[in-house]
Amino acid sequence: MEKNSKGSGFFAGLIFGGIIGVIIGFILSQKSVKFKDLVAQGREAIREAIEEGKESAARKEAELRGDLEKEEK
């Protein structure tokens, strides 16, 4: 009778451990998704900043070329 008691305890522990593993896996996967979202947002912000910088540099270049042409005349 003692063998059955040990066997049922083992299977209960196995099931309990499996459930805990699934829960922890789910929690960790959600954090991973959030991290990926943050990385994507950061990349988009960097792309926008680079684009704004290029546009600003182009405007400033046009302004300086205009000023230079005025001085040459």
N, C-alpha and C. Protein backbone atom coordinates (compact mmCIF):
# COMPACT_ATOMS: atom_id res chain seq x y z
N MET A 1 0.82 -1.18 0.00
CA MET A 1 0.00 0.00 0.00
C MET A 1 0.87 1.25 0.00
N GLU A 2 2.01 1.16 0.57
CA GLU A 2 2.90 2.30 0.62
C GLU A 2 3.38 2.70 -0.77
N LYS A 3 3.56 1.74 -1.67
CA LYS A 3 4.01 2.02 -3.03
C LYS A 3 3.00 2.89 -3.77
N ASN A 4 1.73 2.62 -3.62
CA ASN A 4 0.71 3.42 -4.30
C ASN A 4 0.73 4.86 -3.81
N SER A 5 0.98 5.06 -2.56
CA SER A 5 1.02 6.40 -1.99
C SER A 5 2.17 7.20 -2.59
N LYS A 6 3.33 6.56 -2.72
CA LYS A 6 4.48 7.25 -3.31
C LYS A 6 4.24 7.55 -4.79
N GLY A 7 3.62 6.62 -5.48
CA GLY A 7 3.36 6.80 -6.91
C GLY A 7 2.39 7.94 -7.17
N SER A 8 1.35 8.05 -6.38
CA SER A 8 0.39 9.13 -6.59
C SER A 8 1.00 10.48 -6.23
N GLY A 9 1.89 10.50 -5.25
CA GLY A 9 2.58 11.74 -4.90
C GLY A 9 3.50 12.20 -6.02
N PHE A 10 4.15 11.22 -6.64
CA PHE A 10 5.04 11.56 -7.75
C PHE A 10 4.25 12.18 -8.90
N PHE A 11 3.13 11.56 -9.27
CA PHE A 11 2.34 12.07 -10.39
C PHE A 11 1.70 13.41 -10.05
N ALA A 12 1.30 13.60 -8.81
CA ALA A 12 0.74 14.90 -8.41
C ALA A 12 1.82 15.97 -8.52
N GLY A 13 3.03 15.64 -8.09
CA GLY A 13 4.15 16.58 -8.21
C GLY A 13 4.49 16.86 -9.66
N LEU A 14 4.42 15.84 -10.49
CA LEU A 14 4.70 15.99 -11.92
C LEU A 14 3.68 16.92 -12.57
N ILE A 15 2.43 16.72 -12.25
CA ILE A 15 1.37 17.57 -12.81
C ILE A 15 1.50 19.00 -12.29
N PHE A 16 1.71 19.14 -10.99
CA PHE A 16 1.87 20.45 -10.39
C PHE A 16 3.08 21.19 -11.00
N GLY A 17 4.18 20.49 -11.15
CA GLY A 17 5.37 21.09 -11.75
C GLY A 17 5.14 21.49 -13.20
N GLY A 18 4.40 20.67 -13.93
CA GLY A 18 4.07 21.01 -15.32
C GLY A 18 3.22 22.26 -15.41
N ILE A 19 2.24 22.38 -14.52
CA ILE A 19 1.38 23.57 -14.51
C ILE A 19 2.20 24.81 -14.19
N ILE A 20 3.05 24.72 -13.19
CA ILE A 20 3.91 25.85 -12.82
C ILE A 20 4.82 26.22 -13.99
N GLY A 21 5.37 25.23 -14.67
CA GLY A 21 6.23 25.48 -15.82
C GLY A 21 5.51 26.21 -16.94
N VAL A 22 4.29 25.81 -17.20
CA VAL A 22 3.49 26.47 -18.24
C VAL A 22 3.22 27.92 -17.86
N ILE A 23 2.86 28.15 -16.60
CA ILE A 23 2.58 29.52 -16.14
C ILE A 23 3.83 30.39 -16.25
N ILE A 24 4.96 29.90 -15.80
CA ILE A 24 6.21 30.67 -15.88
C ILE A 24 6.59 30.92 -17.33
N GLY A 25 6.44 29.92 -18.17
CA GLY A 25 6.73 30.10 -19.60
C GLY A 25 5.86 31.16 -20.22
N PHE A 26 4.59 31.17 -19.87
CA PHE A 26 3.68 32.18 -20.41
C PHE A 26 4.08 33.58 -19.96
N ILE A 27 4.40 33.73 -18.68
CA ILE A 27 4.81 35.03 -18.15
C ILE A 27 6.08 35.52 -18.84
N LEU A 28 7.05 34.65 -18.98
CA LEU A 28 8.30 35.04 -19.63
C LEU A 28 8.10 35.38 -21.10
N SER A 29 7.22 34.68 -21.77
CA SER A 29 6.97 34.98 -23.19
C SER A 29 6.29 36.33 -23.34
N GLN A 30 5.45 36.70 -22.40
CA GLN A 30 4.80 38.01 -22.46
C GLN A 30 5.82 39.12 -22.27
N LYS A 31 6.78 38.92 -21.38
CA LYS A 31 7.82 39.92 -21.18
C LYS A 31 8.66 40.05 -22.43
N SER A 32 8.91 38.95 -23.10
CA SER A 32 9.69 38.96 -24.34
C SER A 32 8.97 39.76 -25.41
N VAL A 33 7.66 39.59 -25.51
CA VAL A 33 6.88 40.34 -26.50
C VAL A 33 6.94 41.82 -26.18
N LYS A 34 6.81 42.18 -24.92
CA LYS A 34 6.88 43.59 -24.53
C LYS A 34 8.25 44.16 -24.87
N PHE A 35 9.30 43.40 -24.63
CA PHE A 35 10.65 43.87 -24.94
C PHE A 35 10.80 44.08 -26.44
N LYS A 36 10.26 43.15 -27.23
CA LYS A 36 10.33 43.29 -28.69
C LYS A 36 9.57 44.53 -29.15
N ASP A 37 8.43 44.80 -28.52
CA ASP A 37 7.67 46.00 -28.86
C ASP A 37 8.47 47.26 -28.54
N LEU A 38 9.15 47.26 -27.39
CA LEU A 38 9.96 48.41 -27.02
C LEU A 38 11.12 48.62 -28.00
N VAL A 39 11.73 47.54 -28.42
CA VAL A 39 12.82 47.63 -29.39
C VAL A 39 12.30 48.19 -30.71
N ALA A 40 11.15 47.73 -31.14
CA ALA A 40 10.55 48.22 -32.39
C ALA A 40 10.22 49.70 -32.28
N GLN A 41 9.69 50.11 -31.15
CA GLN A 41 9.38 51.53 -30.94
C GLN A 41 10.66 52.37 -30.94
N GLY A 42 11.70 51.86 -30.32
CA GLY A 42 12.97 52.56 -30.30
C GLY A 42 13.55 52.71 -31.69
N ARG A 43 13.50 51.66 -32.47
CA ARG A 43 13.99 51.73 -33.85
C ARG A 43 13.21 52.74 -34.67
N GLU A 44 11.90 52.76 -34.50
CA GLU A 44 11.07 53.71 -35.24
C GLU A 44 11.41 55.15 -34.82
N ALA A 45 11.61 55.37 -33.54
CA ALA A 45 11.97 56.70 -33.07
C ALA A 45 13.32 57.14 -33.66
N ILE A 46 14.25 56.21 -33.74
CA ILE A 46 15.56 56.53 -34.32
C ILE A 46 15.42 56.85 -35.80
N ARG A 47 14.63 56.06 -36.52
CA ARG A 47 14.40 56.32 -37.96
C ARG A 47 13.80 57.71 -38.17
N GLU A 48 12.81 58.05 -37.34
CA GLU A 48 12.18 59.37 -37.46
C GLU A 48 13.18 60.48 -37.17
N ALA A 49 14.00 60.30 -36.15
CA ALA A 49 15.00 61.31 -35.81
C ALA A 49 16.01 61.48 -36.93
N ILE A 50 16.43 60.40 -37.55
CA ILE A 50 17.38 60.47 -38.67
C ILE A 50 16.73 61.20 -39.85
N GLU A 51 15.48 60.87 -40.13
CA GLU A 51 14.78 61.53 -41.25
C GLU A 51 14.64 63.02 -40.99
N GLU A 52 14.28 63.40 -39.78
CA GLU A 52 14.16 64.81 -39.43
C GLU A 52 15.52 65.50 -39.54
N GLY A 53 16.57 64.83 -39.13
CA GLY A 53 17.91 65.39 -39.24
C GLY A 53 18.31 65.61 -40.69
N LYS A 54 17.99 64.66 -41.55
CA LYS A 54 18.30 64.80 -42.98
C LYS A 54 17.54 65.99 -43.58
N GLU A 55 16.26 66.10 -43.24
CA GLU A 55 15.45 67.21 -43.75
C GLU A 55 15.98 68.54 -43.26
N SER A 56 16.34 68.61 -42.00
CA SER A 56 16.88 69.83 -41.43
C SER A 56 18.21 70.20 -42.08
N ALA A 57 19.05 69.22 -42.31
CA ALA A 57 20.34 69.46 -42.97
C ALA A 57 20.13 69.94 -44.40
N ALA A 58 19.16 69.37 -45.10
CA ALA A 58 18.88 69.80 -46.47
C ALA A 58 18.38 71.24 -46.50
N ARG A 59 17.51 71.61 -45.55
CA ARG A 59 17.03 73.00 -45.49
C ARG A 59 18.16 73.96 -45.20
N LYS A 60 19.01 73.58 -44.25
CA LYS A 60 20.13 74.45 -43.89
C LYS A 60 21.11 74.58 -45.06
N GLU A 61 21.34 73.48 -45.78
CA GLU A 61 22.23 73.52 -46.94
C GLU A 61 21.67 74.47 -48.00
N ALA A 62 20.36 74.38 -48.26
CA ALA A 62 19.73 75.26 -49.24
C ALA A 62 19.84 76.71 -48.80
N GLU A 63 19.65 76.94 -47.53
CA GLU A 63 19.76 78.31 -46.99
C GLU A 63 21.17 78.84 -47.16
N LEU A 64 22.15 78.04 -46.82
CA LEU A 64 23.55 78.48 -46.94
C LEU A 64 23.95 78.68 -48.40
N ARG A 65 23.48 77.82 -49.28
CA ARG A 65 23.77 78.00 -50.71
C ARG A 65 23.15 79.29 -51.22
N GLY A 66 21.94 79.58 -50.77
CA GLY A 66 21.29 80.83 -51.16
C GLY A 66 22.07 82.03 -50.68
N ASP A 67 22.51 82.00 -49.43
CA ASP A 67 23.30 83.09 -48.88
C ASP A 67 24.61 83.23 -49.64
N LEU A 68 25.22 82.12 -50.00
CA LEU A 68 26.50 82.15 -50.72
C LEU A 68 26.30 82.74 -52.12
N GLU A 69 25.21 82.39 -52.78
CA GLU A 69 24.93 82.94 -54.12
C GLU A 69 24.69 84.43 -54.06
N LYS A 70 24.06 84.90 -53.00
CA LYS A 70 23.81 86.35 -52.83
C LYS A 70 25.13 87.08 -52.66
N GLU A 71 26.04 86.50 -51.92
CA GLU A 71 27.35 87.13 -51.68
C GLU A 71 28.17 87.18 -52.96
N GLU A 72 28.03 86.18 -53.83
CA GLU A 72 28.81 86.12 -55.06
C GLU A 72 28.34 87.15 -56.06
N LYS A 73 27.10 87.59 -56.00
CA LYS A 73 26.55 88.56 -56.96
C LYS A 73 26.87 89.93 -56.60
